[in-house]
């Protein structure tokens, strides 16, 4: 009888272990699904920006790296996802145009830009090198003449409440064309933040989040450090976006609208 009791106890323990492992596997699969959704949201945001600016600069735009997202559950706190947001790198023609277009006087950073272009030229051959060297010569001439201009840019900030959905058009009504953005960097920031928040609200149904727990996204830019100033981190940004489980539950149950849910998403930029 003692042996039988021991065997029964072992069987129960093994069953509980299997259940625990099964739950853990489901949790990992759910987190992986949201990780993929967040990475896809960043890529989609980049494509929206490229589509807007391709007419002005048809050359190749690219992300400096692949988006990365990693999630984890914090007991009694909720879930947190760390997201690496790559920079959207415009073609050289756009960069040169931005350097010379704004009437705000010469900028010392132009010297740094020129050095970067010269470094790039040293790695090129043939017609490609001749083209960039001609662009460098033209820019140097503009500097010498005092005509070089540069616009101060930076990643903009955004609040979740400002992300309003598009107003549906009435039948027979002509849809207004969306305004063309002036700054691809600022537009990329807007698109990515909006896409991440949209994913947080609409593509996290697979996650189990208690009403008093939080779903948090910590997104950090991955700007390539300036080779001349490797310690400079002024162009890096971290965005913290979080929403409570009770808000997600109310939105999914259609108890609150999307706009009301957006107002309850907390957004902080550091």
C-alpha atoms as a PDB file:
ATOM      1  CA  UNK A   1       0.000   0.000   0.000  1.00  0.00           C
ATOM      2  CA  UNK A   2       2.870   2.356   0.802  1.00  0.00           C
ATOM      3  CA  UNK A   3       4.484   1.650  -2.531  1.00  0.00           C
ATOM      4  CA  UNK A   4       1.174   2.240  -4.288  1.00  0.00           C
ATOM      5  CA  UNK A   5       0.710   5.584  -2.562  1.00  0.00           C
ATOM      6  CA  UNK A   6       4.203   6.640  -3.583  1.00  0.00           C
ATOM      7  CA  UNK A   7       3.546   5.674  -7.192  1.00  0.00           C
ATOM      8  CA  UNK A   8       0.256   7.593  -7.221  1.00  0.00           C
ATOM      9  CA  UNK A   9       1.990  10.615  -5.739  1.00  0.00           C
ATOM     10  CA  UNK A  10       4.686  10.489  -8.404  1.00  0.00           C
ATOM     11  CA  UNK A  11       2.079  10.210 -11.145  1.00  0.00           C
ATOM     12  CA  UNK A  12       0.226  13.273  -9.820  1.00  0.00           C
ATOM     13  CA  UNK A  13       3.482  15.219  -9.580  1.00  0.00           C
ATOM     14  CA  UNK A  14       4.422  14.253 -13.138  1.00  0.00           C
ATOM     15  CA  UNK A  15       0.994  15.311 -14.379  1.00  0.00           C
ATOM     16  CA  UNK A  16       1.316  18.660 -12.613  1.00  0.00           C
ATOM     17  CA  UNK A  17       4.779  19.107 -14.136  1.00  0.00           C
ATOM     18  CA  UNK A  18       3.442  18.366 -17.595  1.00  0.00           C
ATOM     19  CA  UNK A  19       0.617  20.877 -17.101  1.00  0.00           C
ATOM     20  CA  UNK A  20       3.086  23.502 -15.931  1.00  0.00           C
ATOM     21  CA  UNK A  21       5.354  22.854 -18.914  1.00  0.00           C
ATOM     22  CA  UNK A  22       2.363  23.060 -21.255  1.00  0.00           C
ATOM     23  CA  UNK A  23       1.280  26.387 -19.795  1.00  0.00           C
ATOM     24  CA  UNK A  24       4.826  27.686 -20.060  1.00  0.00           C
ATOM     25  CA  UNK A  25       4.981  26.637 -23.707  1.00  0.00           C
ATOM     26  CA  UNK A  26       1.703  28.427 -24.486  1.00  0.00           C
ATOM     27  CA  UNK A  27       2.946  31.550 -22.740  1.00  0.00           C
ATOM     28  CA  UNK A  28       6.168  31.517 -24.753  1.00  0.00           C
ATOM     29  CA  UNK A  29       4.256  31.041 -27.996  1.00  0.00           C
ATOM     30  CA  UNK A  30       1.952  33.966 -27.160  1.00  0.00           C
ATOM     31  CA  UNK A  31       4.889  36.231 -26.351  1.00  0.00           C
ATOM     32  CA  UNK A  32       6.661  35.188 -29.572  1.00  0.00           C
ATOM     33  CA  UNK A  33       3.534  36.050 -31.593  1.00  0.00           C
ATOM     34  CA  UNK A  34       3.453  39.556 -30.135  1.00  0.00           C
ATOM     35  CA  UNK A  35       7.203  39.949 -30.673  1.00  0.00           C
ATOM     36  CA  UNK A  36       6.692  39.187 -34.372  1.00  0.00           C
ATOM     37  CA  UNK A  37       3.771  41.620 -34.536  1.00  0.00           C
ATOM     38  CA  UNK A  38       5.858  44.432 -33.008  1.00  0.00           C
ATOM     39  CA  UNK A  39       8.755  43.813 -35.391  1.00  0.00           C
ATOM     40  CA  UNK A  40       6.347  43.826 -38.315  1.00  0.00           C
ATOM     41  CA  UNK A  41       4.783  47.080 -37.096  1.00  0.00           C
ATOM     42  CA  UNK A  42       8.167  48.826 -37.277  1.00  0.00           C
ATOM     43  CA  UNK A  43       8.818  47.517 -40.786  1.00  0.00           C
ATOM     44  CA  UNK A  44       5.372  48.660 -41.912  1.00  0.00           C
ATOM     45  CA  UNK A  45       5.957  52.111 -40.430  1.00  0.00           C
ATOM     46  CA  UNK A  46       9.203  52.390 -42.391  1.00  0.00           C
ATOM     47  CA  UNK A  47       7.459  51.411 -45.629  1.00  0.00           C
ATOM     48  CA  UNK A  48       4.820  54.112 -45.085  1.00  0.00           C
ATOM     49  CA  UNK A  49       7.545  56.741 -44.811  1.00  0.00           C
ATOM     50  CA  UNK A  50       9.482  55.443 -47.809  1.00  0.00           C
ATOM     51  CA  UNK A  51       6.316  55.573 -49.915  1.00  0.00           C
ATOM     52  CA  UNK A  52       5.820  59.241 -48.994  1.00  0.00           C
ATOM     53  CA  UNK A  53       9.364  60.345 -49.783  1.00  0.00           C
ATOM     54  CA  UNK A  54      10.209  58.091 -52.726  1.00  0.00           C
ATOM     55  CA  UNK A  55       9.164  60.739 -55.267  1.00  0.00           C
ATOM     56  CA  UNK A  56      11.569  63.300 -53.787  1.00  0.00           C
ATOM     57  CA  UNK A  57      14.397  60.782 -53.356  1.00  0.00           C
ATOM     58  CA  UNK A  58      13.782  57.647 -55.443  1.00  0.00           C
ATOM     59  CA  UNK A  59      17.125  56.074 -54.543  1.00  0.00           C
ATOM     60  CA  UNK A  60      17.280  53.254 -52.036  1.00  0.00           C
ATOM     61  CA  UNK A  61      16.035  53.893 -48.503  1.00  0.00           C
ATOM     62  CA  UNK A  62      16.889  51.265 -45.920  1.00  0.00           C
ATOM     63  CA  UNK A  63      16.692  50.316 -42.257  1.00  0.00           C
ATOM     64  CA  UNK A  64      20.108  50.247 -40.605  1.00  0.00           C
ATOM     65  CA  UNK A  65      19.291  46.895 -38.971  1.00  0.00           C
ATOM     66  CA  UNK A  66      16.419  44.497 -38.419  1.00  0.00           C
ATOM     67  CA  UNK A  67      13.757  45.392 -35.816  1.00  0.00           C
ATOM     68  CA  UNK A  68      14.020  43.265 -32.690  1.00  0.00           C
ATOM     69  CA  UNK A  69      11.486  42.611 -29.925  1.00  0.00           C
ATOM     70  CA  UNK A  70      11.880  40.499 -26.784  1.00  0.00           C
ATOM     71  CA  UNK A  71       9.128  39.969 -24.259  1.00  0.00           C
ATOM     72  CA  UNK A  72       8.986  38.643 -20.727  1.00  0.00           C
ATOM     73  CA  UNK A  73       6.414  38.216 -17.980  1.00  0.00           C
ATOM     74  CA  UNK A  74       7.033  39.904 -14.643  1.00  0.00           C
ATOM     75  CA  UNK A  75       5.113  38.155 -11.815  1.00  0.00           C
ATOM     76  CA  UNK A  76       2.282  40.297 -10.426  1.00  0.00           C
ATOM     77  CA  UNK A  77       3.280  43.163 -12.759  1.00  0.00           C
ATOM     78  CA  UNK A  78       2.336  42.045 -16.260  1.00  0.00           C
ATOM     79  CA  UNK A  79       4.298  41.767 -19.488  1.00  0.00           C
ATOM     80  CA  UNK A  80       7.083  43.925 -20.842  1.00  0.00           C
ATOM     81  CA  UNK A  81       8.511  44.003 -24.361  1.00  0.00           C
ATOM     82  CA  UNK A  82      11.886  45.525 -25.179  1.00  0.00           C
ATOM     83  CA  UNK A  83      11.929  46.727 -28.770  1.00  0.00           C
ATOM     84  CA  UNK A  84      14.986  47.792 -30.768  1.00  0.00           C
ATOM     85  CA  UNK A  85      13.987  50.331 -33.418  1.00  0.00           C
ATOM     86  CA  UNK A  86      16.519  50.706 -36.259  1.00  0.00           C
ATOM     87  CA  UNK A  87      17.132  54.031 -37.929  1.00  0.00           C
ATOM     88  CA  UNK A  88      15.647  54.693 -41.342  1.00  0.00           C
ATOM     89  CA  UNK A  89      18.604  55.724 -43.489  1.00  0.00           C
ATOM     90  CA  UNK A  90      17.734  58.026 -46.408  1.00  0.00           C
ATOM     91  CA  UNK A  91      19.713  58.033 -49.663  1.00  0.00           C
ATOM     92  CA  UNK A  92      22.671  60.393 -49.924  1.00  0.00           C
ATOM     93  CA  UNK A  93      20.827  62.721 -52.301  1.00  0.00           C
ATOM     94  CA  UNK A  94      18.278  63.461 -49.582  1.00  0.00           C
ATOM     95  CA  UNK A  95      20.987  64.092 -46.976  1.00  0.00           C
ATOM     96  CA  UNK A  96      22.851  66.513 -49.235  1.00  0.00           C
ATOM     97  CA  UNK A  97      19.627  68.325 -50.046  1.00  0.00           C
ATOM     98  CA  UNK A  98      18.795  68.739 -46.352  1.00  0.00           C
ATOM     99  CA  UNK A  99      22.240  70.149 -45.631  1.00  0.00           C
ATOM    100  CA  UNK A 100      21.887  72.929 -48.189  1.00  0.00           C
ATOM    101  CA  UNK A 101      18.181  73.805 -48.151  1.00  0.00           C
ATOM    102  CA  UNK A 102      17.372  75.621 -44.895  1.00  0.00           C
ATOM    103  CA  UNK A 103      18.304  79.296 -44.339  1.00  0.00           C
ATOM    104  CA  UNK A 104      19.601  79.036 -40.775  1.00  0.00           C
ATOM    105  CA  UNK A 105      23.271  79.769 -41.400  1.00  0.00           C
ATOM    106  CA  UNK A 106      26.318  77.485 -41.579  1.00  0.00           C
ATOM    107  CA  UNK A 107      26.404  74.602 -39.139  1.00  0.00           C
ATOM    108  CA  UNK A 108      29.653  73.158 -37.720  1.00  0.00           C
ATOM    109  CA  UNK A 109      28.221  69.673 -38.136  1.00  0.00           C
ATOM    110  CA  UNK A 110      28.626  70.056 -41.892  1.00  0.00           C
ATOM    111  CA  UNK A 111      32.338  69.423 -41.456  1.00  0.00           C
ATOM    112  CA  UNK A 112      31.493  66.139 -39.797  1.00  0.00           C
ATOM    113  CA  UNK A 113      29.079  65.257 -42.574  1.00  0.00           C
ATOM    114  CA  UNK A 114      31.715  65.988 -45.184  1.00  0.00           C
ATOM    115  CA  UNK A 115      34.206  63.747 -43.427  1.00  0.00           C
ATOM    116  CA  UNK A 116      31.689  60.933 -43.372  1.00  0.00           C
ATOM    117  CA  UNK A 117      31.101  61.352 -47.099  1.00  0.00           C
ATOM    118  CA  UNK A 118      34.848  61.328 -47.728  1.00  0.00           C
ATOM    119  CA  UNK A 119      35.152  58.121 -45.707  1.00  0.00           C
ATOM    120  CA  UNK A 120      32.399  56.582 -47.808  1.00  0.00           C
ATOM    121  CA  UNK A 121      34.094  57.686 -51.027  1.00  0.00           C
ATOM    122  CA  UNK A 122      37.333  55.978 -49.974  1.00  0.00           C
ATOM    123  CA  UNK A 123      35.526  52.630 -50.007  1.00  0.00           C
ATOM    124  CA  UNK A 124      33.936  53.086 -53.449  1.00  0.00           C
ATOM    125  CA  UNK A 125      35.229  52.524 -56.949  1.00  0.00           C
ATOM    126  CA  UNK A 126      34.524  53.701 -60.478  1.00  0.00           C
ATOM    127  CA  UNK A 127      31.463  55.753 -61.380  1.00  0.00           C
ATOM    128  CA  UNK A 128      29.965  55.456 -57.904  1.00  0.00           C
ATOM    129  CA  UNK A 129      33.050  57.050 -56.347  1.00  0.00           C
ATOM    130  CA  UNK A 130      33.154  59.775 -58.986  1.00  0.00           C
ATOM    131  CA  UNK A 131      29.530  60.626 -58.265  1.00  0.00           C
ATOM    132  CA  UNK A 132      30.017  61.019 -54.518  1.00  0.00           C
ATOM    133  CA  UNK A 133      33.243  62.972 -55.004  1.00  0.00           C
ATOM    134  CA  UNK A 134      31.376  65.389 -57.262  1.00  0.00           C
ATOM    135  CA  UNK A 135      28.680  65.773 -54.615  1.00  0.00           C
ATOM    136  CA  UNK A 136      31.361  66.454 -51.990  1.00  0.00           C
ATOM    137  CA  UNK A 137      32.988  69.061 -54.217  1.00  0.00           C
ATOM    138  CA  UNK A 138      29.657  70.798 -54.782  1.00  0.00           C
ATOM    139  CA  UNK A 139      28.912  70.836 -51.072  1.00  0.00           C
ATOM    140  CA  UNK A 140      32.394  72.168 -50.270  1.00  0.00           C
ATOM    141  CA  UNK A 141      31.848  74.971 -52.762  1.00  0.00           C
ATOM    142  CA  UNK A 142      28.552  75.875 -51.091  1.00  0.00           C
ATOM    143  CA  UNK A 143      30.306  75.999 -47.718  1.00  0.00           C
ATOM    144  CA  UNK A 144      33.077  78.170 -49.093  1.00  0.00           C
ATOM    145  CA  UNK A 145      30.499  80.568 -50.530  1.00  0.00           C
ATOM    146  CA  UNK A 146      28.638  80.682 -47.223  1.00  0.00           C
ATOM    147  CA  UNK A 147      25.515  79.139 -48.732  1.00  0.00           C
ATOM    148  CA  UNK A 148      25.453  75.870 -46.821  1.00  0.00           C
ATOM    149  CA  UNK A 149      22.359  75.463 -44.718  1.00  0.00           C
ATOM    150  CA  UNK A 150      21.258  72.765 -42.338  1.00  0.00           C
ATOM    151  CA  UNK A 151      18.031  72.200 -40.482  1.00  0.00           C
ATOM    152  CA  UNK A 152      17.980  71.076 -36.889  1.00  0.00           C
ATOM    153  CA  UNK A 153      16.145  67.785 -36.767  1.00  0.00           C
ATOM    154  CA  UNK A 154      15.358  65.234 -34.169  1.00  0.00           C
ATOM    155  CA  UNK A 155      12.948  62.512 -33.341  1.00  0.00           C
ATOM    156  CA  UNK A 156       9.624  64.036 -32.487  1.00  0.00           C
ATOM    157  CA  UNK A 157       7.451  63.110 -29.563  1.00  0.00           C
ATOM    158  CA  UNK A 158       3.911  61.872 -29.707  1.00  0.00           C
ATOM    159  CA  UNK A 159       1.122  61.109 -27.290  1.00  0.00           C
ATOM    160  CA  UNK A 160      -1.151  58.154 -27.729  1.00  0.00           C
ATOM    161  CA  UNK A 161      -4.212  60.390 -27.650  1.00  0.00           C
ATOM    162  CA  UNK A 162      -3.021  62.202 -30.782  1.00  0.00           C
ATOM    163  CA  UNK A 163      -3.262  59.027 -32.847  1.00  0.00           C
ATOM    164  CA  UNK A 164      -6.760  59.481 -34.189  1.00  0.00           C
ATOM    165  CA  UNK A 165      -8.159  56.990 -36.688  1.00  0.00           C
ATOM    166  CA  UNK A 166      -8.981  58.169 -40.173  1.00  0.00           C
ATOM    167  CA  UNK A 167     -12.490  59.575 -40.596  1.00  0.00           C
ATOM    168  CA  UNK A 168     -14.467  57.410 -43.039  1.00  0.00           C
ATOM    169  CA  UNK A 169     -15.551  59.187 -46.195  1.00  0.00           C
ATOM    170  CA  UNK A 170     -19.193  59.453 -47.173  1.00  0.00           C
ATOM    171  CA  UNK A 171     -20.367  57.865 -50.392  1.00  0.00           C
ATOM    172  CA  UNK A 172     -19.535  60.080 -53.357  1.00  0.00           C
ATOM    173  CA  UNK A 173     -17.248  62.282 -51.292  1.00  0.00           C
ATOM    174  CA  UNK A 174     -13.723  62.777 -52.565  1.00  0.00           C
ATOM    175  CA  UNK A 175     -11.109  61.691 -50.075  1.00  0.00           C
ATOM    176  CA  UNK A 176      -8.621  64.382 -49.127  1.00  0.00           C
ATOM    177  CA  UNK A 177      -5.030  63.579 -49.975  1.00  0.00           C
ATOM    178  CA  UNK A 178      -2.822  63.093 -46.906  1.00  0.00           C
ATOM    179  CA  UNK A 179      -0.348  65.897 -46.281  1.00  0.00           C
ATOM    180  CA  UNK A 180       3.234  65.236 -47.312  1.00  0.00           C
ATOM    181  CA  UNK A 181       5.590  65.299 -44.348  1.00  0.00           C
ATOM    182  CA  UNK A 182       8.630  67.568 -44.366  1.00  0.00           C
ATOM    183  CA  UNK A 183      11.002  65.419 -42.308  1.00  0.00           C
ATOM    184  CA  UNK A 184      11.364  61.651 -42.871  1.00  0.00           C
ATOM    185  CA  UNK A 185      12.945  61.196 -39.437  1.00  0.00           C
ATOM    186  CA  UNK A 186      10.040  62.851 -37.652  1.00  0.00           C
ATOM    187  CA  UNK A 187       7.502  61.017 -39.815  1.00  0.00           C
ATOM    188  CA  UNK A 188       9.248  57.698 -39.155  1.00  0.00           C
ATOM    189  CA  UNK A 189       9.030  58.365 -35.414  1.00  0.00           C
ATOM    190  CA  UNK A 190       5.327  59.144 -35.708  1.00  0.00           C
ATOM    191  CA  UNK A 191       4.586  56.095 -37.821  1.00  0.00           C
ATOM    192  CA  UNK A 192       6.544  53.691 -35.611  1.00  0.00           C
ATOM    193  CA  UNK A 193       5.056  54.937 -32.353  1.00  0.00           C
ATOM    194  CA  UNK A 194       1.584  54.789 -33.810  1.00  0.00           C
ATOM    195  CA  UNK A 195       2.154  51.276 -35.156  1.00  0.00           C
ATOM    196  CA  UNK A 196       3.507  50.021 -31.818  1.00  0.00           C
ATOM    197  CA  UNK A 197       0.548  51.427 -29.890  1.00  0.00           C
ATOM    198  CA  UNK A 198      -1.889  50.025 -32.454  1.00  0.00           C
ATOM    199  CA  UNK A 199      -0.250  46.604 -32.050  1.00  0.00           C
ATOM    200  CA  UNK A 200      -0.459  46.937 -28.274  1.00  0.00           C
ATOM    201  CA  UNK A 201      -4.207  47.499 -28.422  1.00  0.00           C
ATOM    202  CA  UNK A 202      -5.219  45.196 -31.268  1.00  0.00           C
ATOM    203  CA  UNK A 203      -2.723  42.329 -31.580  1.00  0.00           C
ATOM    204  CA  UNK A 204      -2.137  41.229 -27.984  1.00  0.00           C
ATOM    205  CA  UNK A 205      -5.311  39.231 -27.478  1.00  0.00           C
ATOM    206  CA  UNK A 206      -3.187  36.074 -27.127  1.00  0.00           C
ATOM    207  CA  UNK A 207      -1.614  37.468 -23.961  1.00  0.00           C
ATOM    208  CA  UNK A 208      -3.094  36.797 -20.551  1.00  0.00           C
ATOM    209  CA  UNK A 209      -3.045  40.093 -18.646  1.00  0.00           C
ATOM    210  CA  UNK A 210      -4.858  40.671 -15.366  1.00  0.00           C
ATOM    211  CA  UNK A 211      -6.956  43.816 -14.908  1.00  0.00           C
ATOM    212  CA  UNK A 212      -4.404  45.285 -12.481  1.00  0.00           C
ATOM    213  CA  UNK A 213      -1.376  44.276 -14.555  1.00  0.00           C
ATOM    214  CA  UNK A 214       0.374  46.345 -17.216  1.00  0.00           C
ATOM    215  CA  UNK A 215       1.385  45.703 -20.801  1.00  0.00           C
ATOM    216  CA  UNK A 216       4.539  47.752 -21.342  1.00  0.00           C
ATOM    217  CA  UNK A 217       6.654  48.416 -24.441  1.00  0.00           C
ATOM    218  CA  UNK A 218      10.112  49.917 -24.040  1.00  0.00           C
ATOM    219  CA  UNK A 219      11.316  50.951 -27.499  1.00  0.00           C
ATOM    220  CA  UNK A 220      14.835  52.241 -28.048  1.00  0.00           C
ATOM    221  CA  UNK A 221      16.337  53.645 -31.207  1.00  0.00           C
ATOM    222  CA  UNK A 222      19.494  52.035 -32.522  1.00  0.00           C
ATOM    223  CA  UNK A 223      21.120  54.991 -34.229  1.00  0.00           C
ATOM    224  CA  UNK A 224      24.625  54.225 -35.454  1.00  0.00           C
ATOM    225  CA  UNK A 225      27.150  56.194 -33.359  1.00  0.00           C
ATOM    226  CA  UNK A 226      29.102  58.884 -35.157  1.00  0.00           C
ATOM    227  CA  UNK A 227      32.582  57.432 -35.869  1.00  0.00           C
ATOM    228  CA  UNK A 228      34.107  60.828 -35.060  1.00  0.00           C
ATOM    229  CA  UNK A 229      32.222  61.033 -31.738  1.00  0.00           C
ATOM    230  CA  UNK A 230      31.601  57.437 -30.595  1.00  0.00           C
ATOM    231  CA  UNK A 231      30.555  58.502 -27.093  1.00  0.00           C
ATOM    232  CA  UNK A 232      27.813  60.812 -28.371  1.00  0.00           C
ATOM    233  CA  UNK A 233      24.393  59.352 -27.493  1.00  0.00           C
ATOM    234  CA  UNK A 234      22.362  62.524 -28.045  1.00  0.00           C
ATOM    235  CA  UNK A 235      20.585  60.970 -31.032  1.00  0.00           C
ATOM    236  CA  UNK A 236      19.321  57.978 -29.055  1.00  0.00           C
ATOM    237  CA  UNK A 237      15.792  57.913 -27.682  1.00  0.00           C
ATOM    238  CA  UNK A 238      13.802  55.563 -25.481  1.00  0.00           C
ATOM    239  CA  UNK A 239      10.018  55.446 -25.578  1.00  0.00           C
ATOM    240  CA  UNK A 240       8.017  53.826 -22.788  1.00  0.00           C
ATOM    241  CA  UNK A 241       4.406  52.978 -23.650  1.00  0.00           C
ATOM    242  CA  UNK A 242       2.129  51.106 -21.297  1.00  0.00           C
ATOM    243  CA  UNK A 243      -1.537  50.304 -20.851  1.00  0.00           C
ATOM    244  CA  UNK A 244      -3.388  48.589 -18.039  1.00  0.00           C
ATOM    245  CA  UNK A 245      -5.007  45.191 -18.459  1.00  0.00           C
ATOM    246  CA  UNK A 246      -8.409  46.588 -17.494  1.00  0.00           C
ATOM    247  CA  UNK A 247      -8.185  49.065 -20.400  1.00  0.00           C
ATOM    248  CA  UNK A 248      -7.359  46.290 -22.853  1.00  0.00           C
ATOM    249  CA  UNK A 249     -10.256  44.192 -21.566  1.00  0.00           C
ATOM    250  CA  UNK A 250     -12.697  47.105 -21.884  1.00  0.00           C
ATOM    251  CA  UNK A 251     -11.516  47.897 -25.425  1.00  0.00           C
ATOM    252  CA  UNK A 252     -11.739  44.286 -26.549  1.00  0.00           C
ATOM    253  CA  UNK A 253     -15.249  44.036 -25.106  1.00  0.00           C
ATOM    254  CA  UNK A 254     -16.234  47.241 -26.993  1.00  0.00           C
ATOM    255  CA  UNK A 255     -16.984  48.996 -23.713  1.00  0.00           C
ATOM    256  CA  UNK A 256     -14.713  51.866 -24.727  1.00  0.00           C
ATOM    257  CA  UNK A 257     -13.811  53.214 -28.162  1.00  0.00           C
ATOM    258  CA  UNK A 258     -10.360  53.124 -29.726  1.00  0.00           C
ATOM    259  CA  UNK A 259      -9.961  56.854 -29.127  1.00  0.00           C
ATOM    260  CA  UNK A 260     -10.848  56.406 -25.457  1.00  0.00           C
ATOM    261  CA  UNK A 261      -8.358  53.552 -25.184  1.00  0.00           C
ATOM    262  CA  UNK A 262      -5.630  55.696 -26.786  1.00  0.00           C
ATOM    263  CA  UNK A 263      -6.157  58.347 -24.131  1.00  0.00           C
ATOM    264  CA  UNK A 264      -5.459  55.727 -21.477  1.00  0.00           C
ATOM    265  CA  UNK A 265      -2.159  54.625 -23.017  1.00  0.00           C
ATOM    266  CA  UNK A 266       0.730  56.241 -21.171  1.00  0.00           C
ATOM    267  CA  UNK A 267       3.611  57.432 -23.370  1.00  0.00           C
ATOM    268  CA  UNK A 268       6.924  58.729 -22.074  1.00  0.00           C
ATOM    269  CA  UNK A 269      10.030  59.653 -24.059  1.00  0.00           C
ATOM    270  CA  UNK A 270      13.421  59.665 -22.386  1.00  0.00           C
END
